[in-house]
């Protein structure tokens, strides 16, 4: 009987010992699983964080690129809007230190050359003084308009003849047209000096006569006949093309 109780007590102790060993194994396994799970979560978080950092860096670079494009478009828009002003400024700087007597309209860029320099009264023949004047003026004028900076914006260069109000409108219209045409003929005459862009000028140059339709007036309202008798050089920009480019720049 005593042996029975001893054996039973021994078995209970072994069972209890085995129970705690199994419990400890379970807890160790659970702890290991928790550590593995935590490791996976940390690694996944680090990967997510790394991906997010890459996304942020890519977004920042995309924003910088957009800003660079916007700056370029802004410069292009400013250039398109300011072309006429830039041409006028260039013309003013070009001729301010010369001995040529001419007027540059600060709004349109039209250059007025006194008609008395070029023609005698009721004559379409250009005077020697007029030829000398044009030989000094034309190369410098054309070099600005057809140079690399502005050529792409220029559509046409116009020579206009103007008269005073003495005589009929039709007489003065014919006289002004003939005078403008004589200037063109002189520029392309073989005896006229050679200059840069002379051949290119053929694609841009035209001549018109305006009679006395755009006479110049004095402050008292009377026609200034001396200033009205003149030849004007004007330029026309490629407005349609420039507007289209401007709309493209704004729309992109």
Protein backbone atom coordinates (compact mmCIF):
# COMPACT_ATOMS: atom_id res chain seq x y z
CA UNK A 1 0.00 0.00 0.00
CA UNK A 2 2.80 2.36 0.90
CA UNK A 3 4.46 1.66 -2.40
CA UNK A 4 1.22 2.50 -4.17
CA UNK A 5 1.04 5.97 -2.66
CA UNK A 6 4.69 6.60 -3.27
CA UNK A 7 4.36 5.64 -6.91
CA UNK A 8 1.21 7.71 -7.29
CA UNK A 9 2.87 10.76 -5.77
CA UNK A 10 5.84 10.27 -8.05
CA UNK A 11 3.60 10.09 -11.05
CA UNK A 12 1.79 13.29 -10.02
CA UNK A 13 5.04 15.14 -9.71
CA UNK A 14 6.18 13.92 -13.11
CA UNK A 15 2.84 14.95 -14.63
CA UNK A 16 3.03 18.38 -13.03
CA UNK A 17 6.61 18.77 -14.22
CA UNK A 18 5.68 17.75 -17.75
CA UNK A 19 2.77 20.21 -17.65
CA UNK A 20 4.97 23.18 -16.84
CA UNK A 21 7.53 22.11 -19.41
CA UNK A 22 4.82 22.00 -22.08
CA UNK A 23 3.42 25.36 -20.95
CA UNK A 24 6.87 26.91 -21.08
CA UNK A 25 7.38 25.50 -24.58
CA UNK A 26 4.07 26.96 -25.68
CA UNK A 27 4.93 30.37 -24.23
CA UNK A 28 8.37 30.25 -25.85
CA UNK A 29 6.78 29.36 -29.17
CA UNK A 30 4.24 32.16 -28.79
CA UNK A 31 7.03 34.59 -27.88
CA UNK A 32 9.01 33.48 -30.93
CA UNK A 33 5.96 33.89 -33.14
CA UNK A 34 5.39 37.36 -31.65
CA UNK A 35 9.01 38.30 -32.32
CA UNK A 36 8.76 36.99 -35.89
CA UNK A 37 5.49 38.85 -36.42
CA UNK A 38 6.95 42.04 -34.96
CA UNK A 39 9.99 41.64 -37.21
CA UNK A 40 7.75 41.25 -40.26
CA UNK A 41 5.72 44.31 -39.25
CA UNK A 42 8.88 46.37 -38.71
CA UNK A 43 10.35 45.25 -42.04
CA UNK A 44 7.06 45.96 -43.79
CA UNK A 45 6.90 49.40 -42.16
CA UNK A 46 10.46 50.15 -43.19
CA UNK A 47 9.69 49.09 -46.76
CA UNK A 48 6.52 51.20 -46.77
CA UNK A 49 8.44 54.13 -45.32
CA UNK A 50 11.17 53.70 -47.92
CA UNK A 51 8.61 53.55 -50.72
CA UNK A 52 6.87 56.65 -49.37
CA UNK A 53 10.18 58.50 -49.24
CA UNK A 54 10.83 57.52 -52.86
CA UNK A 55 7.35 58.70 -53.85
CA UNK A 56 7.86 62.01 -52.06
CA UNK A 57 11.25 62.45 -53.75
CA UNK A 58 9.70 61.68 -57.15
CA UNK A 59 6.85 64.13 -56.47
CA UNK A 60 9.32 66.81 -55.42
CA UNK A 61 11.33 66.25 -58.61
CA UNK A 62 8.13 66.37 -60.67
CA UNK A 63 7.19 69.66 -59.01
CA UNK A 64 10.66 71.06 -59.72
CA UNK A 65 10.34 70.00 -63.36
CA UNK A 66 6.90 71.62 -63.59
CA UNK A 67 8.33 74.79 -62.09
CA UNK A 68 11.17 74.75 -64.63
CA UNK A 69 8.65 74.28 -67.45
CA UNK A 70 6.48 77.06 -66.01
CA UNK A 71 9.48 79.40 -65.83
CA UNK A 72 10.34 78.64 -69.45
CA UNK A 73 6.74 79.24 -70.53
CA UNK A 74 6.66 82.48 -68.55
CA UNK A 75 9.80 83.64 -70.30
CA UNK A 76 8.28 82.68 -73.66
CA UNK A 77 5.06 84.55 -72.90
CA UNK A 78 7.01 87.61 -71.75
CA UNK A 79 9.05 87.41 -74.94
CA UNK A 80 5.96 87.20 -77.15
CA UNK A 81 4.24 90.06 -75.36
CA UNK A 82 7.32 92.24 -75.38
CA UNK A 83 8.70 91.67 -78.87
CA UNK A 84 7.52 94.99 -80.31
CA UNK A 85 8.86 96.92 -77.33
CA UNK A 86 12.20 95.12 -77.61
CA UNK A 87 12.46 95.91 -81.32
CA UNK A 88 11.62 99.57 -80.71
CA UNK A 89 14.21 99.74 -77.93
CA UNK A 90 16.83 98.15 -80.19
CA UNK A 91 16.05 100.64 -82.96
CA UNK A 92 16.28 103.57 -80.56
CA UNK A 93 19.63 102.37 -79.22
CA UNK A 94 20.92 101.73 -82.73
CA UNK A 95 20.22 105.20 -84.08
CA UNK A 96 20.50 107.42 -81.01
CA UNK A 97 24.20 108.18 -81.61
CA UNK A 98 24.04 108.55 -85.39
CA UNK A 99 23.79 111.76 -87.41
CA UNK A 100 20.66 110.48 -89.20
CA UNK A 101 17.66 112.73 -88.68
CA UNK A 102 14.74 110.41 -88.11
CA UNK A 103 11.80 110.00 -85.75
CA UNK A 104 10.99 106.66 -84.11
CA UNK A 105 7.42 106.23 -82.92
CA UNK A 106 7.70 104.84 -79.38
CA UNK A 107 4.36 103.01 -79.72
CA UNK A 108 4.52 101.40 -83.15
CA UNK A 109 8.22 101.49 -84.02
CA UNK A 110 7.52 103.33 -87.28
CA UNK A 111 10.53 105.34 -88.43
CA UNK A 112 9.79 108.66 -90.14
CA UNK A 113 12.32 109.97 -92.61
CA UNK A 114 11.84 113.58 -93.77
CA UNK A 115 10.61 113.56 -97.38
CA UNK A 116 12.55 116.71 -98.21
CA UNK A 117 15.75 114.71 -97.84
CA UNK A 118 14.74 112.26 -100.56
CA UNK A 119 12.65 114.11 -103.11
CA UNK A 120 12.31 117.52 -104.66
CA UNK A 121 8.82 119.02 -104.88
CA UNK A 122 6.48 116.97 -107.13
CA UNK A 123 9.38 114.64 -108.02
CA UNK A 124 9.77 110.91 -107.51
CA UNK A 125 13.49 110.90 -108.26
CA UNK A 126 15.55 110.24 -105.14
CA UNK A 127 18.15 112.93 -104.52
CA UNK A 128 21.84 112.20 -104.01
CA UNK A 129 21.41 113.22 -100.40
CA UNK A 130 18.59 110.72 -100.09
CA UNK A 131 20.73 107.92 -101.54
CA UNK A 132 23.49 108.67 -99.05
CA UNK A 133 20.96 108.69 -96.23
CA UNK A 134 19.51 105.32 -97.25
CA UNK A 135 22.95 103.75 -97.59
CA UNK A 136 23.60 104.60 -93.95
CA UNK A 137 20.15 103.72 -92.68
CA UNK A 138 19.03 100.56 -94.49
CA UNK A 139 21.86 98.17 -93.46
CA UNK A 140 21.44 99.01 -89.77
CA UNK A 141 17.64 98.87 -89.88
CA UNK A 142 17.49 95.53 -91.69
CA UNK A 143 20.15 93.98 -89.49
CA UNK A 144 17.96 94.54 -86.42
CA UNK A 145 14.71 93.25 -87.91
CA UNK A 146 16.14 90.26 -89.76
CA UNK A 147 18.86 89.37 -87.26
CA UNK A 148 18.69 86.20 -85.17
CA UNK A 149 16.87 87.85 -82.27
CA UNK A 150 13.76 89.12 -84.08
CA UNK A 151 13.56 87.52 -87.54
CA UNK A 152 11.15 84.75 -86.46
CA UNK A 153 8.63 87.36 -85.28
CA UNK A 154 8.74 89.70 -88.29
CA UNK A 155 6.13 89.16 -91.02
CA UNK A 156 6.68 92.21 -93.21
CA UNK A 157 8.73 95.38 -93.63
CA UNK A 158 6.75 98.21 -95.20
CA UNK A 159 7.93 101.37 -96.91
CA UNK A 160 5.19 104.02 -96.96
CA UNK A 161 5.10 107.25 -98.88
CA UNK A 162 3.19 110.21 -97.37
CA UNK A 163 2.40 113.67 -98.72
CA UNK A 164 0.95 116.95 -97.49
CA UNK A 165 -2.57 118.12 -98.40
CA UNK A 166 -1.66 120.31 -101.36
CA UNK A 167 -3.31 118.89 -104.48
CA UNK A 168 -5.98 116.24 -104.89
CA UNK A 169 -6.09 113.00 -102.93
CA UNK A 170 -5.58 110.88 -106.07
CA UNK A 171 -2.63 112.96 -107.27
CA UNK A 172 -0.96 112.61 -103.88
CA UNK A 173 -1.84 108.91 -103.68
CA UNK A 174 -0.02 108.24 -106.95
CA UNK A 175 2.89 110.47 -105.90
CA UNK A 176 3.25 108.73 -102.52
CA UNK A 177 3.07 105.27 -104.10
CA UNK A 178 5.65 106.12 -106.71
CA UNK A 179 8.02 107.55 -104.10
CA UNK A 180 7.75 104.46 -101.89
CA UNK A 181 8.35 102.25 -104.92
CA UNK A 182 11.40 104.29 -105.91
CA UNK A 183 12.93 103.66 -102.51
CA UNK A 184 12.44 99.90 -102.97
CA UNK A 185 13.93 100.05 -106.47
CA UNK A 186 16.96 101.90 -105.14
CA UNK A 187 17.57 99.37 -102.36
CA UNK A 188 17.68 96.49 -104.83
CA UNK A 189 19.55 98.39 -107.52
CA UNK A 190 22.90 96.84 -108.37
CA UNK A 191 24.58 100.18 -107.72
CA UNK A 192 23.24 100.35 -104.16
CA UNK A 193 25.66 99.17 -101.48
CA UNK A 194 25.64 95.53 -100.54
CA UNK A 195 24.54 94.72 -96.99
CA UNK A 196 23.72 91.80 -94.77
CA UNK A 197 20.30 90.18 -95.38
CA UNK A 198 19.84 92.06 -98.68
CA UNK A 199 18.65 88.94 -100.48
CA UNK A 200 16.45 87.92 -97.54
CA UNK A 201 14.82 91.34 -97.55
CA UNK A 202 13.05 90.51 -100.83
CA UNK A 203 10.74 88.15 -98.92
CA UNK A 204 9.72 90.85 -96.45
CA UNK A 205 9.69 94.20 -98.20
CA UNK A 206 6.63 95.91 -99.69
CA UNK A 207 5.76 99.50 -100.69
CA UNK A 208 2.56 101.50 -100.14
CA UNK A 209 1.37 105.04 -100.77
CA UNK A 210 -0.94 106.78 -98.29
CA UNK A 211 -1.47 110.20 -99.95
CA UNK A 212 -2.26 112.68 -97.15
CA UNK A 213 -4.52 110.24 -95.24
CA UNK A 214 -2.10 110.17 -92.31
CA UNK A 215 -0.94 113.76 -92.22
CA UNK A 216 0.90 115.05 -89.16
CA UNK A 217 -0.71 117.95 -87.30
CA UNK A 218 0.67 120.81 -85.28
CA UNK A 219 -0.50 121.56 -81.75
CA UNK A 220 -2.91 124.22 -83.08
CA UNK A 221 -4.64 121.65 -85.29
CA UNK A 222 -3.12 122.74 -88.61
CA UNK A 223 -1.40 120.21 -90.86
CA UNK A 224 2.36 120.23 -90.49
CA UNK A 225 3.10 120.02 -94.18
CA UNK A 226 6.85 119.74 -93.86
CA UNK A 227 6.66 116.75 -91.48
CA UNK A 228 3.76 115.23 -93.42
CA UNK A 229 5.95 114.98 -96.54
CA UNK A 230 7.86 111.90 -95.48
CA UNK A 231 8.81 108.28 -96.02
CA UNK A 232 8.09 105.80 -93.24
CA UNK A 233 9.61 102.41 -92.53
CA UNK A 234 7.33 100.09 -90.59
CA UNK A 235 7.37 96.46 -89.56
CA UNK A 236 4.48 94.07 -89.05
CA UNK A 237 4.76 91.16 -86.65
CA UNK A 238 3.42 87.66 -87.16
CA UNK A 239 0.47 88.39 -84.88
CA UNK A 240 -1.50 85.25 -85.74
CA UNK A 241 1.44 82.93 -85.21
CA UNK A 242 2.42 84.73 -82.02
CA UNK A 243 -1.11 84.47 -80.62
CA UNK A 244 -1.20 80.76 -81.42
CA UNK A 245 2.13 80.23 -79.67
CA UNK A 246 0.91 82.27 -76.73
CA UNK A 247 -2.26 80.15 -76.44
CA UNK A 248 -0.20 76.96 -76.64
CA UNK A 249 2.07 78.19 -73.86
CA UNK A 250 -0.90 79.07 -71.64
CA UNK A 251 -2.80 75.88 -72.43
CA UNK A 252 -0.02 73.35 -71.83
